[in-house]
Amino acid sequence: MTVAAAAAADPSLPSDLALVPRPDSVTVLPGRFTLDHRTGLRAGPGAEAAAGLLRELLTPATGLPLAPDPDGRIAFLLTPGDTASAGPGEEPLGAEGYALTVGPDSVLLRAARPEGLLHGVQTLRQLLPPEALAAGRAQPRTPAAGWSLPCVRITDRPRFAWRGALLDVARHFQPVSYVRRFVDLLALHKLNVLHLHLTDDQGWRMPVAAYPRLTEIGGRRAETAGDGIPHEGAYTRAELAGLVAYAARRGVSVVPEIEMPGHARAALAAYPELGNRPAVRLDTWTRWGVCENVFGVHDAVLDFCRGVLDEVADVFPGPYVHLGGDECPRVEWERSPAARARVAAEGLPGPGALHGWFLGEAAKHLAGLGRRPLGWTGTGTELPAPFTALAWLDADHGRAAALRGHDVIMTPYRSTYLDYPQSADPGEPRGQDGGVLDLRGVYDNDPAPAHWEPEAARRVLGTQAQLWTEYASTPAELEYLAFPRLCALADTAWSAHRDWPDFLRRQGHHQTRLAALGVRGRSLPSPHPERNAACAPRPTPPATPLTVPPSASAVRP
């Protein structure tokens, strides 16, 4: 029996096959494989990291040593090259696909590349009893069954290469210990990008040796929206480098975001000479919204940005650096003699063109560092050519950017901004004003809609969720906002198959895994439409769409 064809129709399928995200194909085989103290791990060349990760993740809860063993019954096999497939006549596994066979006496996990093996490790975790995900010693819910896996044959590969989540640590700082936990939650769901929003008007969290006041002054604010409570925090270089290594071992790439030329108030509080009014002393901003204080365009600012990006590239080895780029008021440039001089020197049509010029200069420096720039787009047309565009305001802006030749990551706020409330219930925690984003609203998002031109759809790298933190200051608040909605995004980013009742069925069991991990997210809606309107088929756009508040920054902070 193949789960891909029968899961929704047969609710009696074993709950341990309720995997999130949904695999391409799962064939149920007879029997179970039981792990015990004699179970060893056999890793072929290049597969040692995946075997080590499985051991690291399972031993705390199970107490099993899962020692390296050349004759181990759980085998990890890496077949280099994109042409590796699950078997004769099968499609290639690609860069992140894997094939898993669990029999009564042995387990074989194979992939073309290490990333695929790491995803297979997460599938093995989900196939075990949920208690295997606990942080400390636990017992399986059915002791007689032990730590056992159902016998299955799984072939799996993702729809999109970019599957991620943004974590905003600029508005409310989160300790690195929590960011590591967040990475683990991403990896469990085969999300492979952590977009770390490190700087903004309200806080600068990235250490830069040449500019220590960025964190000493820019990392602190006197209060938050009038609450009278100081807020501060910054990472050390060692913490960030350790985070990058920790994430890489789990198949997650950390993408830093350093905002420019707008969203720069914290940097200007630390170094006023970088602004357009150097004689004016600013504080790290204590309010939300769009701040009119932006970087100047004189040479010292460009030197500053280059120095910051040099250090960012040293700490974050991945190919992408996010430069922010949106919500940059031009009012200071319009009043600045230095900005007008720059307009004349560069032959620009006016101060408004300084935005694209500034980003272009930063992009050229990143190119020299071997990095590619990312930027937010609210129109699909404002980013310079080298940028990969994150379309946040409207999905059609992603199409427009793709047709202009940009690679695109789809982040439309109506379906990916998890700082919106999950319901209109009176007891729901406060979120962004303007509407509700429920579980179905996230699940219904298609990063590359069928009606798009093929050339536009090919430019879509993937999608990611956004966790902005104006109204979420603690890990518990973040996880309530993220789950189960992040599971829905993971499912649609990985799998092209859409089946809302099937997702609810799988997620219902997956909730027990989240509980074992200590995640206290929102409960699921009823699977019966007559009991919960959120489950009813939705028109496109959604029947109750989110609305853009008067300040767009209340949506894309």
Protein backbone atom coordinates (compact mmCIF):
# COMPACT_ATOMS: atom_id res chain seq x y z
CA MET A 1 0.00 0.00 0.00
CA THR A 2 1.36 3.43 -0.96
CA VAL A 3 0.67 6.19 1.54
CA ALA A 4 0.94 8.87 -1.13
CA ALA A 5 -2.17 7.45 -2.75
CA ALA A 6 -4.12 6.23 0.24
CA ALA A 7 -3.31 8.31 3.30
CA ALA A 8 -6.27 10.65 3.13
CA ALA A 9 -8.71 7.85 2.39
CA ASP A 10 -7.51 5.51 5.12
CA PRO A 11 -7.35 7.08 8.58
CA SER A 12 -6.43 3.67 10.01
CA LEU A 13 -2.88 3.92 8.66
CA PRO A 14 -0.30 3.73 11.46
CA SER A 15 0.10 7.06 13.20
CA ASP A 16 3.89 6.78 13.02
CA LEU A 17 3.55 7.13 9.23
CA ALA A 18 1.93 10.55 9.67
CA LEU A 19 5.04 12.39 8.52
CA VAL A 20 5.43 16.17 8.23
CA PRO A 21 6.34 17.23 5.62
CA ARG A 22 4.64 14.65 3.44
CA PRO A 23 7.06 12.34 1.59
CA ASP A 24 6.84 11.68 -2.13
CA SER A 25 6.12 7.99 -1.65
CA VAL A 26 5.74 5.67 1.33
CA THR A 27 5.17 1.96 0.84
CA VAL A 28 4.15 0.05 3.97
CA LEU A 29 5.99 -3.23 4.53
CA PRO A 30 5.26 -5.96 7.09
CA GLY A 31 6.96 -5.93 10.47
CA ARG A 32 8.94 -3.54 12.62
CA PHE A 33 12.61 -2.84 13.27
CA THR A 34 13.56 -2.49 16.95
CA LEU A 35 16.52 -0.45 18.18
CA ASP A 36 18.29 -1.75 21.28
CA HIS A 37 21.66 -1.48 23.02
CA ARG A 38 23.23 -3.75 20.40
CA THR A 39 22.10 -1.62 17.45
CA GLY A 40 25.07 -0.09 15.66
CA LEU A 41 25.39 2.50 12.93
CA ARG A 42 27.31 1.72 9.75
CA ALA A 43 28.35 4.80 7.76
CA GLY A 44 29.84 4.67 4.31
CA PRO A 45 32.38 7.25 3.11
CA GLY A 46 31.00 10.76 3.49
CA ALA A 47 28.00 9.57 5.52
CA GLU A 48 29.61 9.78 8.95
CA ALA A 49 28.04 13.15 9.80
CA ALA A 50 24.51 11.85 9.24
CA ALA A 51 25.13 8.80 11.41
CA GLY A 52 26.61 11.03 14.09
CA LEU A 53 23.58 13.32 13.98
CA LEU A 54 21.18 10.42 14.46
CA ARG A 55 23.19 9.30 17.47
CA GLU A 56 23.31 12.83 18.89
CA LEU A 57 19.56 13.30 18.53
CA LEU A 58 18.35 9.89 19.74
CA THR A 59 20.69 8.93 22.58
CA PRO A 60 19.47 11.53 25.13
CA ALA A 61 15.90 10.20 25.11
CA THR A 62 16.46 6.51 24.36
CA GLY A 63 19.68 5.92 26.26
CA LEU A 64 20.89 3.79 23.33
CA PRO A 65 24.59 4.18 22.45
CA LEU A 66 24.06 3.63 18.68
CA ALA A 67 27.80 3.18 18.38
CA PRO A 68 29.72 3.14 15.11
CA ASP A 69 29.89 -0.43 13.85
CA PRO A 70 31.19 -1.71 10.47
CA ASP A 71 28.51 -4.41 10.68
CA GLY A 72 25.79 -2.12 12.10
CA ARG A 73 22.20 -2.87 11.17
CA ILE A 74 21.44 0.79 10.40
CA ALA A 75 23.42 1.78 7.32
CA PHE A 76 24.04 5.19 5.78
CA LEU A 77 25.16 5.25 2.18
CA LEU A 78 26.20 8.30 0.16
CA THR A 79 26.14 7.92 -3.62
CA PRO A 80 27.78 11.05 -5.05
CA GLY A 81 26.25 12.86 -7.96
CA ASP A 82 22.79 14.03 -8.90
CA THR A 83 22.01 10.86 -10.82
CA ALA A 84 21.52 8.62 -7.77
CA SER A 85 17.98 7.32 -7.63
CA ALA A 86 15.87 5.23 -5.33
CA GLY A 87 15.95 2.30 -7.74
CA PRO A 88 15.51 1.22 -11.36
CA GLY A 89 13.07 3.47 -13.18
CA GLU A 90 12.90 5.96 -10.31
CA GLU A 91 13.45 9.71 -10.66
CA PRO A 92 16.84 11.04 -9.47
CA LEU A 93 16.97 11.90 -5.80
CA GLY A 94 18.67 15.21 -6.53
CA ALA A 95 20.62 17.35 -4.08
CA GLU A 96 18.32 16.84 -1.09
CA GLY A 97 16.39 13.66 -1.79
CA TYR A 98 16.84 10.36 0.02
CA ALA A 99 15.68 6.76 -0.11
CA LEU A 100 14.93 4.89 3.11
CA THR A 101 14.18 1.21 3.50
CA VAL A 102 13.28 -0.18 6.91
CA GLY A 103 13.09 -3.95 7.16
CA PRO A 104 12.65 -6.20 10.21
CA ASP A 105 16.42 -6.82 10.44
CA SER A 106 18.08 -3.78 8.88
CA VAL A 107 17.69 -0.14 7.88
CA LEU A 108 19.27 1.46 4.80
CA LEU A 109 19.32 5.23 4.26
CA ARG A 110 20.90 6.41 1.04
CA ALA A 111 21.18 9.74 -0.77
CA ALA A 112 23.12 11.42 -3.54
CA ARG A 113 24.43 14.15 -1.23
CA PRO A 114 24.91 14.67 2.50
CA GLU A 115 21.89 17.00 2.68
CA GLY A 116 19.64 14.14 1.66
CA LEU A 117 21.01 11.90 4.40
CA LEU A 118 20.35 14.62 6.98
CA HIS A 119 16.71 14.86 5.85
CA GLY A 120 16.45 11.09 6.09
CA VAL A 121 17.68 11.27 9.68
CA GLN A 122 14.73 13.52 10.50
CA THR A 123 12.36 11.02 8.89
CA LEU A 124 13.81 8.26 11.05
CA ARG A 125 13.18 10.40 14.13
CA GLN A 126 9.55 10.93 13.15
CA LEU A 127 9.04 7.21 12.52
CA LEU A 128 10.04 6.40 16.10
CA PRO A 129 7.64 6.85 19.03
CA PRO A 130 7.23 10.58 19.78
CA GLU A 131 9.01 10.20 23.12
CA ALA A 132 12.26 9.62 21.18
CA LEU A 133 12.29 13.37 20.48
CA ALA A 134 12.46 14.31 24.17
CA ALA A 135 15.47 16.21 25.48
CA GLY A 136 16.09 13.75 28.34
CA ARG A 137 15.57 10.09 29.18
CA ALA A 138 12.10 8.89 28.25
CA GLN A 139 10.13 5.70 27.79
CA PRO A 140 8.15 4.82 24.67
CA ARG A 141 4.43 5.20 25.09
CA THR A 142 4.04 1.46 24.42
CA PRO A 143 6.91 -0.13 26.37
CA ALA A 144 6.31 -3.56 24.86
CA ALA A 145 7.01 -2.17 21.39
CA GLY A 146 10.25 -0.52 22.52
CA TRP A 147 12.05 1.96 20.33
CA SER A 148 10.84 0.54 17.06
CA LEU A 149 10.28 1.72 13.49
CA PRO A 150 7.53 0.55 11.12
CA CYS A 151 8.88 -1.30 8.12
CA VAL A 152 8.56 1.02 5.13
CA ARG A 153 10.10 2.03 1.85
CA ILE A 154 10.28 5.82 1.40
CA THR A 155 11.44 7.80 -1.59
CA ASP A 156 11.50 11.51 -1.00
CA ARG A 157 12.73 14.78 -2.50
CA PRO A 158 11.71 18.45 -2.05
CA ARG A 159 9.73 20.60 -4.44
CA PHE A 160 11.72 23.77 -3.63
CA ALA A 161 15.37 24.26 -2.73
CA TRP A 162 14.70 27.22 -0.38
CA ARG A 163 12.52 26.31 2.60
CA GLY A 164 13.04 28.57 5.53
CA ALA A 165 11.99 30.81 8.36
CA LEU A 166 13.00 34.30 9.40
CA LEU A 167 13.65 34.90 13.08
CA ASP A 168 13.70 38.57 14.08
CA VAL A 169 16.20 38.95 16.93
CA ALA A 170 16.59 42.71 16.37
CA ARG A 171 13.23 43.80 17.81
CA HIS A 172 13.41 41.36 20.72
CA PHE A 173 16.74 39.68 21.32
CA GLN A 174 16.81 35.91 21.77
CA PRO A 175 19.74 34.07 23.40
CA VAL A 176 21.79 31.82 21.16
CA SER A 177 20.61 28.80 23.12
CA TYR A 178 17.08 29.45 21.90
CA VAL A 179 18.18 30.15 18.34
CA ARG A 180 19.82 26.71 18.36
CA ARG A 181 16.55 25.17 19.52
CA PHE A 182 14.78 26.99 16.70
CA VAL A 183 17.29 25.50 14.26
CA ASP A 184 16.47 22.03 15.58
CA LEU A 185 12.76 22.68 15.01
CA LEU A 186 13.46 23.82 11.47
CA ALA A 187 15.56 20.75 10.71
CA LEU A 188 12.89 18.40 12.05
CA HIS A 189 10.55 19.79 9.39
CA LYS A 190 13.19 19.69 6.63
CA LEU A 191 13.38 23.48 6.52
CA ASN A 192 16.89 24.33 5.42
CA VAL A 193 17.28 28.12 5.86
CA LEU A 194 17.36 30.22 9.03
CA HIS A 195 17.07 33.87 7.98
CA LEU A 196 18.46 35.75 10.99
CA HIS A 197 17.26 39.36 11.13
CA LEU A 198 20.18 40.86 13.07
CA THR A 199 19.79 44.64 12.75
CA ASP A 200 16.99 47.18 12.68
CA ASP A 201 15.96 50.55 14.07
CA GLN A 202 15.31 48.98 17.49
CA GLY A 203 18.50 46.97 17.91
CA TRP A 204 21.84 45.88 16.43
CA ARG A 205 22.86 42.33 17.45
CA MET A 206 25.85 41.60 15.17
CA PRO A 207 29.31 42.33 16.63
CA VAL A 208 31.70 44.21 14.35
CA ALA A 209 35.21 44.58 15.78
CA ALA A 210 35.91 47.89 14.05
CA TYR A 211 32.65 49.41 15.32
CA PRO A 212 32.14 48.30 18.94
CA ARG A 213 29.47 50.92 19.68
CA LEU A 214 27.10 49.11 17.30
CA THR A 215 26.33 46.61 20.05
CA GLU A 216 27.35 48.73 23.05
CA ILE A 217 24.89 51.49 22.13
CA GLY A 218 22.86 50.11 19.22
CA GLY A 219 22.24 46.85 21.08
CA ARG A 220 20.31 48.68 23.82
CA ARG A 221 17.11 50.69 23.91
CA ALA A 222 15.59 52.55 26.81
CA GLU A 223 12.14 51.02 26.48
CA THR A 224 9.75 49.41 24.04
CA ALA A 225 6.65 51.25 22.87
CA GLY A 226 6.33 53.14 26.14
CA ASP A 227 6.65 50.21 28.54
CA GLY A 228 9.50 51.83 30.50
CA ILE A 229 11.54 48.59 30.49
CA PRO A 230 15.06 48.69 29.00
CA HIS A 231 15.87 45.99 26.45
CA GLU A 232 19.30 44.89 25.30
CA GLY A 233 21.26 42.02 23.85
CA ALA A 234 23.94 41.14 21.32
CA TYR A 235 25.79 38.06 20.21
CA THR A 236 29.51 37.43 20.32
CA ARG A 237 31.33 36.43 17.18
CA ALA A 238 32.01 33.02 18.74
CA GLU A 239 28.31 32.50 19.44
CA LEU A 240 27.35 33.26 15.86
CA ALA A 241 30.13 31.11 14.41
CA GLY A 242 29.05 28.29 16.71
CA LEU A 243 25.45 28.72 15.62
CA VAL A 244 26.45 28.49 11.95
CA ALA A 245 28.35 25.25 12.60
CA TYR A 246 25.51 23.81 14.71
CA ALA A 247 22.98 24.57 11.97
CA ALA A 248 25.21 23.17 9.21
CA ARG A 249 25.42 19.83 11.01
CA ARG A 250 21.62 19.72 10.73
CA GLY A 251 21.45 20.77 7.09
CA VAL A 252 20.37 24.34 7.85
CA SER A 253 22.07 27.39 6.32
CA VAL A 254 22.08 30.62 8.34
CA VAL A 255 21.45 33.72 6.23
CA PRO A 256 22.26 37.00 8.02
CA GLU A 257 20.29 40.18 7.41
CA ILE A 258 22.01 43.55 7.87
CA GLU A 259 19.53 46.33 7.04
CA MET A 260 20.50 49.18 4.72
CA PRO A 261 20.01 51.96 3.78
CA GLY A 262 16.85 52.22 5.90
CA HIS A 263 15.97 50.54 9.21
CA ALA A 264 19.32 51.94 10.42
CA ARG A 265 18.40 53.96 13.52
CA ALA A 266 20.32 51.69 15.95
CA ALA A 267 23.51 52.09 13.89
CA LEU A 268 22.98 55.86 13.72
CA ALA A 269 22.54 56.02 17.48
CA ALA A 270 25.98 54.44 17.79
CA TYR A 271 27.67 56.44 15.00
CA PRO A 272 25.76 59.66 14.19
CA GLU A 273 28.31 60.59 11.52
CA LEU A 274 26.85 57.83 9.34
CA GLY A 275 23.56 59.71 9.04
CA ASN A 276 22.35 62.72 7.14
CA ARG A 277 22.31 65.00 10.21
CA PRO A 278 25.52 64.11 12.12
CA ALA A 279 25.05 66.92 14.64
CA VAL A 280 21.75 65.38 15.84
CA ARG A 281 22.12 62.77 18.58
CA LEU A 282 19.70 59.90 18.17
CA ASP A 283 18.76 57.09 20.48
CA THR A 284 18.09 53.48 19.53
CA TRP A 285 14.48 53.66 18.44
CA THR A 286 11.86 52.68 21.00
CA ARG A 287 8.83 52.60 18.70
CA TRP A 288 7.57 50.44 15.84
CA GLY A 289 6.86 51.64 12.33
CA VAL A 290 9.01 53.24 9.64
CA CYS A 291 11.74 55.55 10.96
CA GLU A 292 12.79 58.40 8.67
CA ASN A 293 16.43 58.26 9.85
CA VAL A 294 18.46 56.43 7.20
CA PHE A 295 22.10 56.07 6.28
CA GLY A 296 23.76 58.93 4.47
CA VAL A 297 25.32 58.39 1.07
CA HIS A 298 28.79 59.88 1.65
CA ASP A 299 31.98 57.84 1.30
CA ALA A 300 32.37 57.17 5.03
CA VAL A 301 29.02 55.35 5.03
CA LEU A 302 30.05 53.15 2.12
CA ASP A 303 33.31 52.35 3.90
CA PHE A 304 31.33 51.46 7.03
CA CYS A 305 28.99 49.16 5.11
CA ARG A 306 31.89 47.44 3.38
CA GLY A 307 33.62 46.86 6.71
CA VAL A 308 30.47 45.43 8.25
CA LEU A 309 29.87 43.15 5.27
CA ASP A 310 33.48 41.95 5.41
CA GLU A 311 32.93 40.77 8.98
CA VAL A 312 29.54 39.29 8.15
CA ALA A 313 31.13 37.26 5.35
CA ASP A 314 33.79 36.01 7.75
CA VAL A 315 31.22 34.74 10.24
CA PHE A 316 28.56 33.47 7.82
CA PRO A 317 30.09 31.33 5.05
CA GLY A 318 26.88 30.74 3.08
CA PRO A 319 26.37 32.19 -0.39
CA TYR A 320 23.68 34.75 0.58
CA VAL A 321 23.62 37.94 2.65
CA HIS A 322 20.34 39.82 3.08
CA LEU A 323 20.66 43.61 2.83
CA GLY A 324 17.09 44.51 3.78
CA GLY A 325 16.53 47.30 1.29
CA ASP A 326 12.91 48.31 1.71
CA GLU A 327 11.01 50.97 3.65
CA CYS A 328 13.65 53.64 3.15
CA PRO A 329 12.13 57.12 3.43
CA ARG A 330 13.82 59.67 1.16
CA VAL A 331 13.00 62.75 3.22
CA GLU A 332 16.49 63.13 4.74
CA TRP A 333 18.18 62.68 1.37
CA GLU A 334 15.92 65.31 -0.17
CA ARG A 335 17.09 67.81 2.47
CA SER A 336 20.77 66.82 2.54
CA PRO A 337 23.40 68.82 0.60
CA ALA A 338 25.67 65.78 0.67
CA ALA A 339 22.93 63.61 -0.83
CA ARG A 340 22.24 66.15 -3.54
CA ALA A 341 25.96 66.25 -4.32
CA ARG A 342 25.98 62.45 -4.63
CA VAL A 343 23.00 62.61 -7.00
CA ALA A 344 24.90 65.04 -9.21
CA ALA A 345 28.17 63.10 -9.03
CA GLU A 346 26.53 59.83 -10.04
CA GLY A 347 24.29 61.38 -12.68
CA LEU A 348 21.13 60.19 -10.95
CA PRO A 349 17.70 61.67 -11.76
CA GLY A 350 16.97 62.63 -8.14
CA PRO A 351 17.26 61.65 -4.45
CA GLY A 352 14.83 58.78 -4.92
CA ALA A 353 17.35 57.03 -7.15
CA LEU A 354 19.89 56.94 -4.31
CA HIS A 355 18.12 53.88 -2.92
CA GLY A 356 18.94 51.66 -5.89
CA TRP A 357 22.40 53.19 -6.18
CA PHE A 358 23.19 52.46 -2.53
CA LEU A 359 22.04 48.85 -2.78
CA GLY A 360 23.99 48.45 -6.00
CA GLU A 361 27.19 49.59 -4.28
CA ALA A 362 26.63 47.12 -1.44
CA ALA A 363 25.87 44.34 -3.93
CA LYS A 364 29.12 45.01 -5.81
CA HIS A 365 31.07 44.63 -2.59
CA LEU A 366 29.28 41.39 -1.76
CA ALA A 367 30.11 40.06 -5.22
CA GLY A 368 33.77 40.71 -4.50
CA LEU A 369 33.37 38.60 -1.37
CA GLY A 370 31.80 35.77 -3.34
CA ARG A 371 28.34 36.42 -1.91
CA ARG A 372 24.94 37.07 -3.46
CA PRO A 373 22.60 39.81 -2.19
CA LEU A 374 19.02 39.29 -1.05
CA GLY A 375 16.51 42.10 -0.64
CA TRP A 376 12.88 42.74 0.19
CA THR A 377 10.67 43.93 -2.63
CA GLY A 378 7.35 45.69 -2.22
CA THR A 379 6.81 46.20 -5.95
CA GLY A 380 8.89 43.61 -7.78
CA THR A 381 10.72 46.33 -9.67
CA GLU A 382 12.93 48.32 -7.28
CA LEU A 383 15.91 46.01 -6.65
CA PRO A 384 19.09 46.15 -8.71
CA ALA A 385 19.73 43.26 -11.11
CA PRO A 386 22.03 41.09 -8.92
CA PHE A 387 19.49 40.74 -6.11
CA THR A 388 17.38 37.72 -5.27
CA ALA A 389 14.01 39.23 -4.38
CA LEU A 390 11.84 38.38 -1.37
CA ALA A 391 8.34 39.43 -2.39
CA TRP A 392 6.52 40.33 0.82
CA LEU A 393 3.67 42.70 -0.03
CA ASP A 394 1.91 40.78 -2.78
CA ALA A 395 2.49 37.47 -4.54
CA ASP A 396 2.17 39.20 -7.92
CA HIS A 397 5.27 41.23 -7.05
CA GLY A 398 7.20 37.97 -6.99
CA ARG A 399 5.98 37.24 -10.50
CA ALA A 400 6.98 40.73 -11.62
CA ALA A 401 10.47 40.32 -10.13
CA ALA A 402 10.86 36.90 -11.76
CA LEU A 403 9.88 38.26 -15.16
CA ARG A 404 12.54 40.97 -14.72
CA GLY A 405 15.15 38.23 -14.26
CA HIS A 406 15.40 38.04 -10.48
CA ASP A 407 15.44 34.77 -8.60
CA VAL A 408 12.56 34.96 -6.14
CA ILE A 409 11.75 33.72 -2.65
CA MET A 410 8.04 33.99 -1.97
CA THR A 411 7.21 35.64 1.35
CA PRO A 412 3.74 37.22 0.87
CA TYR A 413 2.54 38.50 4.22
CA ARG A 414 -0.98 37.19 3.69
CA SER A 415 0.27 33.62 4.00
CA THR A 416 3.78 33.63 5.54
CA TYR A 417 3.80 36.29 8.31
CA LEU A 418 3.37 34.30 11.49
CA ASP A 419 3.27 37.40 13.71
CA TYR A 420 -0.38 37.81 12.71
CA PRO A 421 -2.92 36.31 15.13
CA GLN A 422 -4.02 32.76 14.36
CA SER A 423 -7.64 33.52 15.16
CA ALA A 424 -9.96 36.32 16.18
CA ASP A 425 -10.70 34.64 19.53
CA PRO A 426 -10.67 37.12 22.43
CA GLY A 427 -7.96 35.15 24.24
CA GLU A 428 -5.58 35.06 21.30
CA PRO A 429 -2.23 36.80 22.02
CA ARG A 430 -1.77 40.17 20.38
CA GLY A 431 -0.20 40.22 16.94
CA GLN A 432 0.05 42.57 14.00
CA ASP A 433 -3.10 44.56 13.30
CA GLY A 434 -4.94 44.00 10.05
CA GLY A 435 -6.37 40.51 10.11
CA VAL A 436 -5.92 36.85 10.96
CA LEU A 437 -3.66 34.23 9.39
CA ASP A 438 -4.92 30.80 10.33
CA LEU A 439 -3.44 27.39 9.59
CA ARG A 440 -5.39 26.95 6.37
CA GLY A 441 -4.23 30.35 5.15
CA VAL A 442 -0.61 29.20 5.42
CA TYR A 443 -1.31 25.78 3.91
CA ASP A 444 -3.10 27.24 0.88
CA ASN A 445 -0.09 29.30 -0.17
CA ASP A 446 1.49 28.13 -3.42
CA PRO A 447 4.92 29.70 -3.99
CA ALA A 448 4.71 29.12 -7.75
CA PRO A 449 1.05 29.22 -8.80
CA ALA A 450 -0.01 27.20 -11.83
CA HIS A 451 -1.18 30.31 -13.69
CA TRP A 452 2.29 31.88 -13.71
CA GLU A 453 4.34 31.83 -16.88
CA PRO A 454 6.82 28.92 -16.90
CA GLU A 455 9.75 31.33 -17.07
CA ALA A 456 8.51 33.08 -13.90
CA ALA A 457 7.82 29.84 -12.03
CA ARG A 458 11.33 28.59 -12.79
CA ARG A 459 12.76 31.62 -10.99
CA VAL A 460 11.08 30.72 -7.67
CA LEU A 461 13.70 29.30 -5.32
CA GLY A 462 11.14 28.59 -2.62
CA THR A 463 9.41 30.18 0.32
CA GLN A 464 9.85 30.99 3.99
CA ALA A 465 7.87 32.02 7.05
CA GLN A 466 8.49 35.30 8.90
CA LEU A 467 8.52 35.59 12.70
CA TRP A 468 8.73 39.32 13.40
CA THR A 469 8.98 40.02 17.10
CA GLU A 470 7.37 43.34 17.94
CA TYR A 471 4.70 41.48 19.91
CA ALA A 472 6.63 38.31 20.79
CA SER A 473 9.46 38.69 23.26
CA THR A 474 9.88 35.18 24.72
CA PRO A 475 10.61 31.74 23.24
CA ALA A 476 7.20 30.51 24.45
CA GLU A 477 5.46 33.34 22.58
CA LEU A 478 7.50 32.65 19.45
CA GLU A 479 6.66 28.96 19.45
CA TYR A 480 2.96 29.61 19.98
CA LEU A 481 3.01 31.84 16.90
CA ALA A 482 5.09 29.38 14.87
CA PHE A 483 3.28 26.12 15.52
CA PRO A 484 1.48 24.47 13.90
CA ARG A 485 1.56 27.10 11.11
CA LEU A 486 5.25 26.51 10.41
CA CYS A 487 4.42 22.84 9.85
CA ALA A 488 1.95 23.83 7.15
CA LEU A 489 4.56 25.95 5.38
CA ALA A 490 7.10 23.13 5.64
CA ASP A 491 4.61 20.73 4.09
CA THR A 492 3.83 22.93 1.10
CA ALA A 493 7.47 23.94 0.56
CA TRP A 494 8.57 20.30 0.45
CA SER A 495 5.65 18.58 -1.28
CA ALA A 496 3.68 19.50 -4.40
CA HIS A 497 0.78 17.34 -3.21
CA ARG A 498 -2.10 19.32 -1.67
CA ASP A 499 -4.66 17.58 0.52
CA TRP A 500 -5.98 19.59 3.47
CA PRO A 501 -7.76 16.69 5.26
CA ASP A 502 -4.64 14.56 4.88
CA PHE A 503 -2.47 17.34 6.30
CA LEU A 504 -4.77 17.71 9.31
CA ARG A 505 -4.65 13.95 9.89
CA ARG A 506 -0.85 13.88 9.76
CA GLN A 507 -0.51 17.04 11.80
CA GLY A 508 -2.82 15.60 14.45
CA HIS A 509 -0.24 12.94 15.22
CA HIS A 510 2.65 15.32 14.68
CA GLN A 511 1.30 17.41 17.55
CA THR A 512 2.42 14.58 19.87
CA ARG A 513 5.94 14.96 18.55
CA LEU A 514 5.86 18.70 19.17
CA ALA A 515 4.58 18.04 22.69
CA ALA A 516 7.49 15.68 23.33
CA LEU A 517 9.81 18.50 22.29
CA GLY A 518 8.11 20.88 24.73
CA VAL A 519 6.55 23.01 21.98
CA ARG A 520 3.31 24.57 23.15
CA GLY A 521 1.72 25.73 19.95
CA ARG A 522 -1.90 26.36 19.11
CA SER A 523 -4.28 23.42 18.91
CA LEU A 524 -5.50 22.24 15.53
CA PRO A 525 -8.81 23.31 13.99
CA SER A 526 -11.55 20.73 13.70
CA PRO A 527 -11.30 18.58 10.56
CA HIS A 528 -15.08 18.90 10.14
CA PRO A 529 -16.11 21.98 8.11
CA GLU A 530 -19.42 22.25 9.89
CA ARG A 531 -17.55 22.74 13.18
CA ASN A 532 -14.84 25.06 11.93
CA ALA A 533 -15.20 27.46 9.04
CA ALA A 534 -11.41 27.65 8.71
CA CYS A 535 -11.51 24.16 7.21
CA ALA A 536 -13.98 25.08 4.47
CA PRO A 537 -12.66 25.40 0.91
CA ARG A 538 -11.43 28.94 0.42
CA PRO A 539 -11.70 31.24 -2.53
CA THR A 540 -8.54 32.92 -3.79
CA PRO A 541 -7.81 35.40 -2.33
CA PRO A 542 -8.91 34.19 1.11
CA ALA A 543 -12.44 35.04 2.18
CA THR A 544 -11.14 37.28 4.98
CA PRO A 545 -7.83 38.59 3.65
CA LEU A 546 -5.33 40.44 5.72
CA THR A 547 -5.26 44.15 5.08
CA VAL A 548 -2.28 46.44 4.86
CA PRO A 549 -2.34 48.92 7.77
CA PRO A 550 -1.71 52.62 7.09
CA SER A 551 1.94 52.05 7.95
CA ALA A 552 3.24 49.25 5.75
CA SER A 553 5.89 48.67 8.38
CA ALA A 554 3.22 47.19 10.59
CA VAL A 555 3.25 44.36 8.05
CA ARG A 556 6.88 44.10 6.90
CA PRO A 557 8.57 45.61 9.94
